[in-house]
C-alpha atoms as a PDB file:
ATOM      1  CA  UNK A   1      -6.028   4.216  17.400  1.00  0.00           C
ATOM      2  CA  UNK A   2      -7.876   0.657  17.113  1.00  0.00           C
ATOM      3  CA  UNK A   3      -7.218  -1.896  15.087  1.00  0.00           C
ATOM      4  CA  UNK A   4      -9.670  -4.735  14.967  1.00  0.00           C
ATOM      5  CA  UNK A   5      -9.098  -7.867  13.341  1.00  0.00           C
ATOM      6  CA  UNK A   6     -12.423  -8.433  12.295  1.00  0.00           C
ATOM      7  CA  UNK A   7     -16.143  -7.751  13.420  1.00  0.00           C
ATOM      8  CA  UNK A   8     -15.282  -9.976  16.408  1.00  0.00           C
ATOM      9  CA  UNK A   9     -12.742  -7.351  18.099  1.00  0.00           C
ATOM     10  CA  UNK A  10     -15.714  -4.420  17.920  1.00  0.00           C
ATOM     11  CA  UNK A  11     -16.707  -3.877  21.700  1.00  0.00           C
ATOM     12  CA  UNK A  12     -19.250  -4.770  22.438  1.00  0.00           C
ATOM     13  CA  UNK A  13     -20.593  -1.433  24.208  1.00  0.00           C
ATOM     14  CA  UNK A  14     -18.919   0.689  20.944  1.00  0.00           C
ATOM     15  CA  UNK A  15     -20.856   3.753  20.097  1.00  0.00           C
ATOM     16  CA  UNK A  16     -22.532   5.389  17.041  1.00  0.00           C
ATOM     17  CA  UNK A  17     -19.938   6.319  14.466  1.00  0.00           C
ATOM     18  CA  UNK A  18     -19.076   7.475  10.585  1.00  0.00           C
ATOM     19  CA  UNK A  19     -17.985   4.362   8.501  1.00  0.00           C
ATOM     20  CA  UNK A  20     -16.327   4.477   5.083  1.00  0.00           C
ATOM     21  CA  UNK A  21     -15.664   1.082   3.095  1.00  0.00           C
ATOM     22  CA  UNK A  22     -12.939   0.078   0.784  1.00  0.00           C
ATOM     23  CA  UNK A  23     -10.267  -1.888  -0.302  1.00  0.00           C
ATOM     24  CA  UNK A  24      -8.185   1.265   0.033  1.00  0.00           C
ATOM     25  CA  UNK A  25      -5.083  -0.591  -1.562  1.00  0.00           C
ATOM     26  CA  UNK A  26      -2.089   2.237  -1.033  1.00  0.00           C
ATOM     27  CA  UNK A  27      -4.659   4.397   0.369  1.00  0.00           C
ATOM     28  CA  UNK A  28      -3.564   6.337  -2.727  1.00  0.00           C
ATOM     29  CA  UNK A  29      -4.909  10.512  -2.511  1.00  0.00           C
ATOM     30  CA  UNK A  30      -8.668   9.463  -3.938  1.00  0.00           C
ATOM     31  CA  UNK A  31      -8.465   7.157  -1.031  1.00  0.00           C
ATOM     32  CA  UNK A  32      -7.210  10.040   1.369  1.00  0.00           C
ATOM     33  CA  UNK A  33      -9.940  12.087  -0.024  1.00  0.00           C
ATOM     34  CA  UNK A  34     -12.753   9.583   0.752  1.00  0.00           C
ATOM     35  CA  UNK A  35     -11.536   9.306   4.787  1.00  0.00           C
ATOM     36  CA  UNK A  36     -10.990  13.114   4.891  1.00  0.00           C
ATOM     37  CA  UNK A  37     -14.948  12.990   3.815  1.00  0.00           C
ATOM     38  CA  UNK A  38     -15.663  11.035   6.569  1.00  0.00           C
ATOM     39  CA  UNK A  39     -13.318  12.284   9.201  1.00  0.00           C
ATOM     40  CA  UNK A  40     -15.461  15.961   8.048  1.00  0.00           C
ATOM     41  CA  UNK A  41     -18.616  14.536   9.099  1.00  0.00           C
ATOM     42  CA  UNK A  42     -17.654  12.644  12.252  1.00  0.00           C
ATOM     43  CA  UNK A  43     -16.286  15.784  13.238  1.00  0.00           C
ATOM     44  CA  UNK A  44     -19.355  17.896  12.583  1.00  0.00           C
ATOM     45  CA  UNK A  45     -21.322  14.925  14.252  1.00  0.00           C
ATOM     46  CA  UNK A  46     -18.925  14.755  17.117  1.00  0.00           C
ATOM     47  CA  UNK A  47     -18.248  10.904  16.123  1.00  0.00           C
ATOM     48  CA  UNK A  48     -15.472   8.466  15.847  1.00  0.00           C
ATOM     49  CA  UNK A  49     -14.380   7.641  12.111  1.00  0.00           C
ATOM     50  CA  UNK A  50     -14.177   3.929  11.677  1.00  0.00           C
ATOM     51  CA  UNK A  51     -12.712   2.870   8.640  1.00  0.00           C
ATOM     52  CA  UNK A  52     -13.398  -0.645   7.625  1.00  0.00           C
ATOM     53  CA  UNK A  53     -10.831  -2.837   4.962  1.00  0.00           C
ATOM     54  CA  UNK A  54     -10.697  -6.221   3.400  1.00  0.00           C
ATOM     55  CA  UNK A  55      -7.708  -8.429   3.697  1.00  0.00           C
ATOM     56  CA  UNK A  56      -7.360 -10.638   1.924  1.00  0.00           C
ATOM     57  CA  UNK A  57      -8.102  -8.408  -1.405  1.00  0.00           C
ATOM     58  CA  UNK A  58     -11.547  -9.501  -2.484  1.00  0.00           C
ATOM     59  CA  UNK A  59     -10.833  -9.973  -5.748  1.00  0.00           C
ATOM     60  CA  UNK A  60      -8.425 -13.280  -5.291  1.00  0.00           C
ATOM     61  CA  UNK A  61     -11.180 -14.451  -3.468  1.00  0.00           C
ATOM     62  CA  UNK A  62     -14.049 -13.650  -5.852  1.00  0.00           C
ATOM     63  CA  UNK A  63     -11.202 -14.489  -8.956  1.00  0.00           C
ATOM     64  CA  UNK A  64      -9.058 -16.978  -7.592  1.00  0.00           C
ATOM     65  CA  UNK A  65      -5.556 -16.973  -8.926  1.00  0.00           C
ATOM     66  CA  UNK A  66      -6.013 -12.956  -9.720  1.00  0.00           C
ATOM     67  CA  UNK A  67      -3.099 -11.764  -7.187  1.00  0.00           C
ATOM     68  CA  UNK A  68      -3.691  -8.191  -7.809  1.00  0.00           C
ATOM     69  CA  UNK A  69      -0.243  -6.956  -7.287  1.00  0.00           C
ATOM     70  CA  UNK A  70      -0.480  -5.055  -3.478  1.00  0.00           C
ATOM     71  CA  UNK A  71       0.550  -1.771  -3.245  1.00  0.00           C
ATOM     72  CA  UNK A  72       0.416  -2.020   0.834  1.00  0.00           C
ATOM     73  CA  UNK A  73       0.879  -4.687   3.277  1.00  0.00           C
ATOM     74  CA  UNK A  74      -2.248  -4.368   5.854  1.00  0.00           C
ATOM     75  CA  UNK A  75      -0.330  -3.522   8.723  1.00  0.00           C
ATOM     76  CA  UNK A  76       1.022  -0.281   6.505  1.00  0.00           C
ATOM     77  CA  UNK A  77      -2.483   0.355   5.403  1.00  0.00           C
ATOM     78  CA  UNK A  78      -3.891  -0.219   8.695  1.00  0.00           C
ATOM     79  CA  UNK A  79      -1.253   2.905   9.519  1.00  0.00           C
ATOM     80  CA  UNK A  80      -1.612   5.013   6.981  1.00  0.00           C
ATOM     81  CA  UNK A  81      -5.541   5.189   7.400  1.00  0.00           C
ATOM     82  CA  UNK A  82      -4.575   6.122  10.976  1.00  0.00           C
ATOM     83  CA  UNK A  83      -2.688   8.921   9.965  1.00  0.00           C
ATOM     84  CA  UNK A  84      -5.999  10.366   8.189  1.00  0.00           C
ATOM     85  CA  UNK A  85      -7.232  10.594  11.604  1.00  0.00           C
ATOM     86  CA  UNK A  86      -9.340   7.272  12.239  1.00  0.00           C
ATOM     87  CA  UNK A  87     -10.245   6.170  15.231  1.00  0.00           C
ATOM     88  CA  UNK A  88     -10.492   2.453  14.558  1.00  0.00           C
ATOM     89  CA  UNK A  89      -9.461   0.372  11.297  1.00  0.00           C
ATOM     90  CA  UNK A  90     -11.658  -2.914  11.067  1.00  0.00           C
ATOM     91  CA  UNK A  91      -9.885  -5.338   8.529  1.00  0.00           C
ATOM     92  CA  UNK A  92     -12.574  -7.598   7.580  1.00  0.00           C
ATOM     93  CA  UNK A  93     -11.040 -10.863   6.550  1.00  0.00           C
ATOM     94  CA  UNK A  94     -12.582 -11.658   3.091  1.00  0.00           C
ATOM     95  CA  UNK A  95     -13.748 -14.934   2.586  1.00  0.00           C
ATOM     96  CA  UNK A  96     -15.583 -17.213   0.048  1.00  0.00           C
ATOM     97  CA  UNK A  97     -18.759 -16.772   2.261  1.00  0.00           C
ATOM     98  CA  UNK A  98     -18.261 -13.345   3.047  1.00  0.00           C
ATOM     99  CA  UNK A  99     -18.691 -12.390  -0.188  1.00  0.00           C
ATOM    100  CA  UNK A 100     -21.867 -14.660  -0.898  1.00  0.00           C
ATOM    101  CA  UNK A 101     -23.740 -11.869   1.555  1.00  0.00           C
ATOM    102  CA  UNK A 102     -26.185 -10.233   0.115  1.00  0.00           C
ATOM    103  CA  UNK A 103     -26.030  -6.386   0.111  1.00  0.00           C
ATOM    104  CA  UNK A 104     -28.971  -5.626   2.621  1.00  0.00           C
ATOM    105  CA  UNK A 105     -27.072  -8.511   4.602  1.00  0.00           C
ATOM    106  CA  UNK A 106     -23.550  -7.088   4.631  1.00  0.00           C
ATOM    107  CA  UNK A 107     -25.325  -3.547   5.875  1.00  0.00           C
ATOM    108  CA  UNK A 108     -26.912  -5.309   8.500  1.00  0.00           C
ATOM    109  CA  UNK A 109     -23.976  -7.443   9.301  1.00  0.00           C
ATOM    110  CA  UNK A 110     -20.921  -4.702   9.348  1.00  0.00           C
ATOM    111  CA  UNK A 111     -22.358  -0.963   9.648  1.00  0.00           C
ATOM    112  CA  UNK A 112     -25.840  -1.703  11.254  1.00  0.00           C
ATOM    113  CA  UNK A 113     -25.219  -4.719  14.283  1.00  0.00           C
ATOM    114  CA  UNK A 114     -21.458  -4.371  14.655  1.00  0.00           C
ATOM    115  CA  UNK A 115     -20.382  -0.627  14.252  1.00  0.00           C
ATOM    116  CA  UNK A 116     -23.770   1.294  14.587  1.00  0.00           C
ATOM    117  CA  UNK A 117     -23.012   3.689  11.906  1.00  0.00           C
ATOM    118  CA  UNK A 118     -24.820   7.000  11.850  1.00  0.00           C
ATOM    119  CA  UNK A 119     -23.308   7.882   8.775  1.00  0.00           C
ATOM    120  CA  UNK A 120     -21.271   6.040   5.813  1.00  0.00           C
ATOM    121  CA  UNK A 121     -18.891   7.784   3.047  1.00  0.00           C
ATOM    122  CA  UNK A 122     -17.503   5.607   0.165  1.00  0.00           C
ATOM    123  CA  UNK A 123     -16.423   5.909  -3.162  1.00  0.00           C
ATOM    124  CA  UNK A 124     -18.895   6.581  -5.857  1.00  0.00           C
ATOM    125  CA  UNK A 125     -17.486   3.668  -7.478  1.00  0.00           C
ATOM    126  CA  UNK A 126     -17.866   1.257  -4.657  1.00  0.00           C
ATOM    127  CA  UNK A 127     -19.927  -1.985  -4.810  1.00  0.00           C
ATOM    128  CA  UNK A 128     -20.582  -4.663  -2.235  1.00  0.00           C
ATOM    129  CA  UNK A 129     -22.470  -7.265  -1.381  1.00  0.00           C
ATOM    130  CA  UNK A 130     -23.046 -10.697  -3.525  1.00  0.00           C
ATOM    131  CA  UNK A 131     -21.708  -9.871  -7.067  1.00  0.00           C
ATOM    132  CA  UNK A 132     -20.941  -6.552  -6.196  1.00  0.00           C
ATOM    133  CA  UNK A 133     -25.057  -5.502  -6.339  1.00  0.00           C
ATOM    134  CA  UNK A 134     -24.570  -2.968  -4.096  1.00  0.00           C
ATOM    135  CA  UNK A 135     -24.010   0.695  -5.177  1.00  0.00           C
ATOM    136  CA  UNK A 136     -24.466   4.445  -3.364  1.00  0.00           C
ATOM    137  CA  UNK A 137     -27.857   4.193  -4.578  1.00  0.00           C
ATOM    138  CA  UNK A 138     -28.836   1.530  -3.014  1.00  0.00           C
ATOM    139  CA  UNK A 139     -26.658   2.313   0.445  1.00  0.00           C
ATOM    140  CA  UNK A 140     -28.840   5.681   0.888  1.00  0.00           C
ATOM    141  CA  UNK A 141     -32.008   3.588   0.426  1.00  0.00           C
ATOM    142  CA  UNK A 142     -31.147   1.271   3.414  1.00  0.00           C
ATOM    143  CA  UNK A 143     -29.918   3.801   5.397  1.00  0.00           C
ATOM    144  CA  UNK A 144     -33.157   5.164   5.532  1.00  0.00           C
ATOM    145  CA  UNK A 145     -34.582   1.748   6.709  1.00  0.00           C
ATOM    146  CA  UNK A 146     -31.742   1.080   9.125  1.00  0.00           C
ATOM    147  CA  UNK A 147     -31.342   5.393  10.198  1.00  0.00           C
ATOM    148  CA  UNK A 148     -28.039   6.341   9.130  1.00  0.00           C
ATOM    149  CA  UNK A 149     -26.486   8.529   5.692  1.00  0.00           C
ATOM    150  CA  UNK A 150     -24.802   7.589   2.978  1.00  0.00           C
ATOM    151  CA  UNK A 151     -22.654   9.706   0.651  1.00  0.00           C
ATOM    152  CA  UNK A 152     -20.860   8.881  -2.346  1.00  0.00           C
ATOM    153  CA  UNK A 153     -17.312  10.431  -2.923  1.00  0.00           C
ATOM    154  CA  UNK A 154     -16.646  11.667  -6.330  1.00  0.00           C
ATOM    155  CA  UNK A 155     -13.158   9.818  -8.094  1.00  0.00           C
ATOM    156  CA  UNK A 156     -10.535  12.326  -8.086  1.00  0.00           C
ATOM    157  CA  UNK A 157      -8.799  12.581 -11.636  1.00  0.00           C
ATOM    158  CA  UNK A 158      -4.753  13.439 -12.105  1.00  0.00           C
ATOM    159  CA  UNK A 159      -4.151  14.536 -15.865  1.00  0.00           C
ATOM    160  CA  UNK A 160      -7.350  13.431 -16.981  1.00  0.00           C
ATOM    161  CA  UNK A 161      -7.092   9.998 -16.012  1.00  0.00           C
ATOM    162  CA  UNK A 162      -9.466   8.674 -12.526  1.00  0.00           C
ATOM    163  CA  UNK A 163      -6.509   7.784  -9.680  1.00  0.00           C
ATOM    164  CA  UNK A 164      -6.806   4.606  -8.672  1.00  0.00           C
ATOM    165  CA  UNK A 165      -5.037   1.551  -7.430  1.00  0.00           C
ATOM    166  CA  UNK A 166      -5.054   0.056 -10.550  1.00  0.00           C
ATOM    167  CA  UNK A 167      -3.578   2.773 -12.378  1.00  0.00           C
ATOM    168  CA  UNK A 168      -0.969   2.956 -10.267  1.00  0.00           C
ATOM    169  CA  UNK A 169       0.008  -1.025  -9.914  1.00  0.00           C
ATOM    170  CA  UNK A 170       0.075   0.554 -13.892  1.00  0.00           C
ATOM    171  CA  UNK A 171       2.478   3.182 -13.173  1.00  0.00           C
ATOM    172  CA  UNK A 172       4.824   0.680 -11.513  1.00  0.00           C
ATOM    173  CA  UNK A 173       5.177  -1.469 -14.115  1.00  0.00           C
ATOM    174  CA  UNK A 174       6.434   0.457 -16.337  1.00  0.00           C
ATOM    175  CA  UNK A 175       8.748   2.059 -13.952  1.00  0.00           C
ATOM    176  CA  UNK A 176       7.200   5.001 -13.334  1.00  0.00           C
ATOM    177  CA  UNK A 177       7.915   5.272  -9.767  1.00  0.00           C
ATOM    178  CA  UNK A 178       7.911   9.659  -9.545  1.00  0.00           C
ATOM    179  CA  UNK A 179       4.196   9.375 -11.361  1.00  0.00           C
ATOM    180  CA  UNK A 180       2.798   6.491  -8.506  1.00  0.00           C
ATOM    181  CA  UNK A 181       4.071   8.968  -6.015  1.00  0.00           C
ATOM    182  CA  UNK A 182       2.417  11.973  -6.799  1.00  0.00           C
ATOM    183  CA  UNK A 183      -0.924   9.721  -7.623  1.00  0.00           C
ATOM    184  CA  UNK A 184       0.119   7.931  -3.287  1.00  0.00           C
ATOM    185  CA  UNK A 185       0.995  11.412  -1.801  1.00  0.00           C
ATOM    186  CA  UNK A 186       3.953   9.257  -0.952  1.00  0.00           C
ATOM    187  CA  UNK A 187       6.796   7.007  -2.151  1.00  0.00           C
ATOM    188  CA  UNK A 188       5.512   3.566  -2.932  1.00  0.00           C
ATOM    189  CA  UNK A 189       7.050   1.096  -0.540  1.00  0.00           C
ATOM    190  CA  UNK A 190       7.556  -2.092  -0.671  1.00  0.00           C
ATOM    191  CA  UNK A 191       8.559  -4.243   2.776  1.00  0.00           C
ATOM    192  CA  UNK A 192      10.447  -6.851   3.321  1.00  0.00           C
ATOM    193  CA  UNK A 193      12.897  -8.775   5.416  1.00  0.00           C
ATOM    194  CA  UNK A 194      16.788  -9.069   4.657  1.00  0.00           C
ATOM    195  CA  UNK A 195      18.020 -11.962   3.421  1.00  0.00           C
ATOM    196  CA  UNK A 196      21.436 -13.209   2.252  1.00  0.00           C
ATOM    197  CA  UNK A 197      22.268 -12.920  -1.484  1.00  0.00           C
ATOM    198  CA  UNK A 198      25.242 -14.394  -3.436  1.00  0.00           C
ATOM    199  CA  UNK A 199      26.644 -10.750  -1.121  1.00  0.00           C
ATOM    200  CA  UNK A 200      28.356  -9.766  -4.867  1.00  0.00           C
ATOM    201  CA  UNK A 201      27.497  -6.024  -3.890  1.00  0.00           C
ATOM    202  CA  UNK A 202      29.772  -6.086  -0.873  1.00  0.00           C
ATOM    203  CA  UNK A 203      32.712  -7.567  -2.834  1.00  0.00           C
ATOM    204  CA  UNK A 204      31.860  -4.685  -5.116  1.00  0.00           C
ATOM    205  CA  UNK A 205      32.183  -2.368  -2.552  1.00  0.00           C
ATOM    206  CA  UNK A 206      28.188  -1.520  -2.564  1.00  0.00           C
ATOM    207  CA  UNK A 207      26.989  -3.636   0.093  1.00  0.00           C
ATOM    208  CA  UNK A 208      22.935  -4.350  -0.544  1.00  0.00           C
ATOM    209  CA  UNK A 209      20.400  -5.669   1.149  1.00  0.00           C
ATOM    210  CA  UNK A 210      18.763  -7.984  -0.445  1.00  0.00           C
ATOM    211  CA  UNK A 211      14.958  -7.692   0.693  1.00  0.00           C
ATOM    212  CA  UNK A 212      12.347 -10.441   0.208  1.00  0.00           C
ATOM    213  CA  UNK A 213       9.054  -9.268  -0.090  1.00  0.00           C
ATOM    214  CA  UNK A 214       5.865 -10.776   0.249  1.00  0.00           C
ATOM    215  CA  UNK A 215       3.985 -12.593  -2.466  1.00  0.00           C
ATOM    216  CA  UNK A 216       2.004 -10.892  -4.652  1.00  0.00           C
ATOM    217  CA  UNK A 217       3.943  -7.002  -3.443  1.00  0.00           C
ATOM    218  CA  UNK A 218       3.682  -4.859  -6.717  1.00  0.00           C
ATOM    219  CA  UNK A 219       7.469  -4.070  -7.209  1.00  0.00           C
ATOM    220  CA  UNK A 220       8.538  -1.580  -9.895  1.00  0.00           C
ATOM    221  CA  UNK A 221       9.738  -2.559 -13.365  1.00  0.00           C
ATOM    222  CA  UNK A 222      13.631  -3.748 -13.642  1.00  0.00           C
ATOM    223  CA  UNK A 223      15.828  -0.870 -13.082  1.00  0.00           C
ATOM    224  CA  UNK A 224      17.921   1.009 -10.883  1.00  0.00           C
ATOM    225  CA  UNK A 225      16.181   3.517  -8.757  1.00  0.00           C
ATOM    226  CA  UNK A 226      17.148   6.749  -5.945  1.00  0.00           C
ATOM    227  CA  UNK A 227      14.747   6.691  -2.955  1.00  0.00           C
ATOM    228  CA  UNK A 228      15.253   5.283   0.882  1.00  0.00           C
ATOM    229  CA  UNK A 229      15.784   2.030   3.036  1.00  0.00           C
ATOM    230  CA  UNK A 230      14.305   2.071   6.359  1.00  0.00           C
ATOM    231  CA  UNK A 231      14.548  -0.655   8.791  1.00  0.00           C
ATOM    232  CA  UNK A 232      11.086  -1.325  11.108  1.00  0.00           C
ATOM    233  CA  UNK A 233      10.328  -2.562  14.544  1.00  0.00           C
ATOM    234  CA  UNK A 234       8.106  -5.281  14.648  1.00  0.00           C
ATOM    235  CA  UNK A 235       5.270  -3.089  15.443  1.00  0.00           C
ATOM    236  CA  UNK A 236       6.123  -1.766  11.947  1.00  0.00           C
ATOM    237  CA  UNK A 237       7.250   1.816  12.991  1.00  0.00           C
ATOM    238  CA  UNK A 238      10.407   3.091  11.581  1.00  0.00           C
ATOM    239  CA  UNK A 239      13.932   2.912  13.019  1.00  0.00           C
ATOM    240  CA  UNK A 240      16.274   4.338  11.041  1.00  0.00           C
ATOM    241  CA  UNK A 241      16.231   5.463   7.499  1.00  0.00           C
ATOM    242  CA  UNK A 242      18.684   6.331   4.504  1.00  0.00           C
ATOM    243  CA  UNK A 243      19.098   7.594   1.330  1.00  0.00           C
ATOM    244  CA  UNK A 244      19.551   4.640  -1.239  1.00  0.00           C
ATOM    245  CA  UNK A 245      20.108   3.262  -4.705  1.00  0.00           C
ATOM    246  CA  UNK A 246      17.515   0.492  -5.900  1.00  0.00           C
ATOM    247  CA  UNK A 247      17.946  -2.672  -7.935  1.00  0.00           C
ATOM    248  CA  UNK A 248      15.455  -4.486  -8.889  1.00  0.00           C
ATOM    249  CA  UNK A 249      15.877  -6.967 -11.312  1.00  0.00           C
ATOM    250  CA  UNK A 250      17.692 -10.504 -12.079  1.00  0.00           C
ATOM    251  CA  UNK A 251      21.639  -9.203 -12.766  1.00  0.00           C
ATOM    252  CA  UNK A 252      22.000 -10.362 -16.194  1.00  0.00           C
ATOM    253  CA  UNK A 253      25.927  -9.261 -15.702  1.00  0.00           C
ATOM    254  CA  UNK A 254      25.756 -12.171 -13.454  1.00  0.00           C
ATOM    255  CA  UNK A 255      23.175 -14.399 -15.371  1.00  0.00           C
ATOM    256  CA  UNK A 256      21.296 -14.523 -13.121  1.00  0.00           C
ATOM    257  CA  UNK A 257      17.757 -15.427 -13.313  1.00  0.00           C
ATOM    258  CA  UNK A 258      15.766 -14.589  -9.998  1.00  0.00           C
ATOM    259  CA  UNK A 259      14.104 -11.247  -9.745  1.00  0.00           C
ATOM    260  CA  UNK A 260      15.223  -9.697  -6.565  1.00  0.00           C
ATOM    261  CA  UNK A 261      15.457  -5.840  -4.611  1.00  0.00           C
ATOM    262  CA  UNK A 262      18.495  -4.915  -3.468  1.00  0.00           C
ATOM    263  CA  UNK A 263      19.394  -1.347  -1.755  1.00  0.00           C
ATOM    264  CA  UNK A 264      22.489  -0.199  -1.338  1.00  0.00           C
ATOM    265  CA  UNK A 265      22.611   2.620   1.877  1.00  0.00           C
ATOM    266  CA  UNK A 266      24.250   5.147   0.365  1.00  0.00           C
ATOM    267  CA  UNK A 267      28.135   5.291   2.272  1.00  0.00           C
ATOM    268  CA  UNK A 268      27.092   3.026   4.314  1.00  0.00           C
ATOM    269  CA  UNK A 269      29.222  -0.691   4.822  1.00  0.00           C
ATOM    270  CA  UNK A 270      28.673  -0.948   8.472  1.00  0.00           C
ATOM    271  CA  UNK A 271      25.019  -2.073   8.216  1.00  0.00           C
ATOM    272  CA  UNK A 272      23.869  -5.822   9.177  1.00  0.00           C
ATOM    273  CA  UNK A 273      20.236  -5.563   8.591  1.00  0.00           C
ATOM    274  CA  UNK A 274      20.063  -9.895   7.772  1.00  0.00           C
ATOM    275  CA  UNK A 275      16.697 -10.814   9.073  1.00  0.00           C
ATOM    276  CA  UNK A 276      15.378  -7.346   9.516  1.00  0.00           C
ATOM    277  CA  UNK A 277      12.149  -6.425   8.687  1.00  0.00           C
ATOM    278  CA  UNK A 278      12.773  -3.073   6.262  1.00  0.00           C
ATOM    279  CA  UNK A 279      10.875  -0.968   3.815  1.00  0.00           C
ATOM    280  CA  UNK A 280      12.695   0.214   0.497  1.00  0.00           C
ATOM    281  CA  UNK A 281      10.678   3.331  -0.819  1.00  0.00           C
ATOM    282  CA  UNK A 282      11.076   4.514  -4.248  1.00  0.00           C
ATOM    283  CA  UNK A 283      11.387   8.070  -5.616  1.00  0.00           C
ATOM    284  CA  UNK A 284      12.449   8.130  -9.191  1.00  0.00           C
ATOM    285  CA  UNK A 285      13.786   6.223 -11.786  1.00  0.00           C
ATOM    286  CA  UNK A 286      17.257   6.352 -12.949  1.00  0.00           C
ATOM    287  CA  UNK A 287      17.635   3.803 -15.556  1.00  0.00           C
ATOM    288  CA  UNK A 288      16.706   0.409 -16.701  1.00  0.00           C
ATOM    289  CA  UNK A 289      18.300  -2.393 -16.624  1.00  0.00           C
ATOM    290  CA  UNK A 290      21.352  -2.907 -18.574  1.00  0.00           C
ATOM    291  CA  UNK A 291      24.238  -6.370 -19.414  1.00  0.00           C
ATOM    292  CA  UNK A 292      27.683  -5.222 -19.061  1.00  0.00           C
ATOM    293  CA  UNK A 293      30.558  -6.492 -20.555  1.00  0.00           C
ATOM    294  CA  UNK A 294      32.730  -7.016 -17.784  1.00  0.00           C
ATOM    295  CA  UNK A 295      32.787  -5.962 -14.113  1.00  0.00           C
ATOM    296  CA  UNK A 296      34.465  -2.965 -13.971  1.00  0.00           C
ATOM    297  CA  UNK A 297      32.048  -1.323 -16.301  1.00  0.00           C
ATOM    298  CA  UNK A 298      29.462  -2.132 -13.914  1.00  0.00           C
ATOM    299  CA  UNK A 299      31.142  -1.014 -11.083  1.00  0.00           C
ATOM    300  CA  UNK A 300      32.278   2.180 -12.836  1.00  0.00           C
ATOM    301  CA  UNK A 301      27.926   2.318 -13.476  1.00  0.00           C
ATOM    302  CA  UNK A 302      27.158   1.638  -9.969  1.00  0.00           C
ATOM    303  CA  UNK A 303      29.258   4.529  -8.982  1.00  0.00           C
ATOM    304  CA  UNK A 304      27.118   7.163 -11.389  1.00  0.00           C
ATOM    305  CA  UNK A 305      23.792   5.673 -10.252  1.00  0.00           C
ATOM    306  CA  UNK A 306      25.433   6.263  -6.476  1.00  0.00           C
ATOM    307  CA  UNK A 307      25.974   9.656  -7.056  1.00  0.00           C
ATOM    308  CA  UNK A 308      22.287  10.272  -9.192  1.00  0.00           C
ATOM    309  CA  UNK A 309      20.497   8.681  -6.040  1.00  0.00           C
ATOM    310  CA  UNK A 310      22.560  11.175  -3.851  1.00  0.00           C
ATOM    311  CA  UNK A 311      21.319  14.161  -5.504  1.00  0.00           C
ATOM    312  CA  UNK A 312      17.615  12.651  -6.061  1.00  0.00           C
ATOM    313  CA  UNK A 313      17.310  12.307  -2.306  1.00  0.00           C
ATOM    314  CA  UNK A 314      19.171  15.540  -1.358  1.00  0.00           C
ATOM    315  CA  UNK A 315      16.244  16.936  -3.277  1.00  0.00           C
ATOM    316  CA  UNK A 316      13.566  15.336  -1.313  1.00  0.00           C
END
């Protein structure tokens, strides 16, 4: 799969393709349906599939300071899109100047001149161009002018609610990581580098990896979770993966004030992960954050949390 960081990376001799465009934050089931439809059209036409996405999130540029909680890093998003069959992923730097392009100019610059799209597939609610005035209808009209077909894919619903990046962020904010996993089609993942913390977990018998995620990462509500801890190679590929008990919060028993994400790889006290890029995956919430009256009570609960995390991860 090709990874293009901007239109200047597209080969000058690039032939025609089928393209789909979107932020695709999280690459959830609704996104997957759009990409699958584009791949289906590409296979029928004998053309490669190019997925166009954006970084940073457009909301951050259009509404500065909004800081949408991100469900996936740009690198992981690209990896997920590749798994879905994309032949190339083009990550467009979303700048203020780019946001000012009129819809037709956006289509001409991105889809016509750079990608030479023969067909374009988008979600039926996708908007493009200055002030988001471009929609599926306009895209189809421009397709007639520039010789490509356009198709809008209906939104996916789950239990009467539209599956969207926003709805998944709400699930995570409520601690419903199981619901988020259902709509994502996989456990929600938080990436980051392991940094040194207070090392209390080690003294208590549960050495944890203190993970420092990038700013604006979507982190579930405070509490204790079952899931997995994985070490990543420099290119983002998974190296090793262990079942884990995960704590999100401020450690109120020790009067903590800084919110942290800590993961204990079950039954492992021999891991040295300082400085390693890791991924923490959330399967299910075990309980909320609690302040204990003494350390012994905390340790007893941690043992129960580990047993519960083992049960959950063994079932998945």
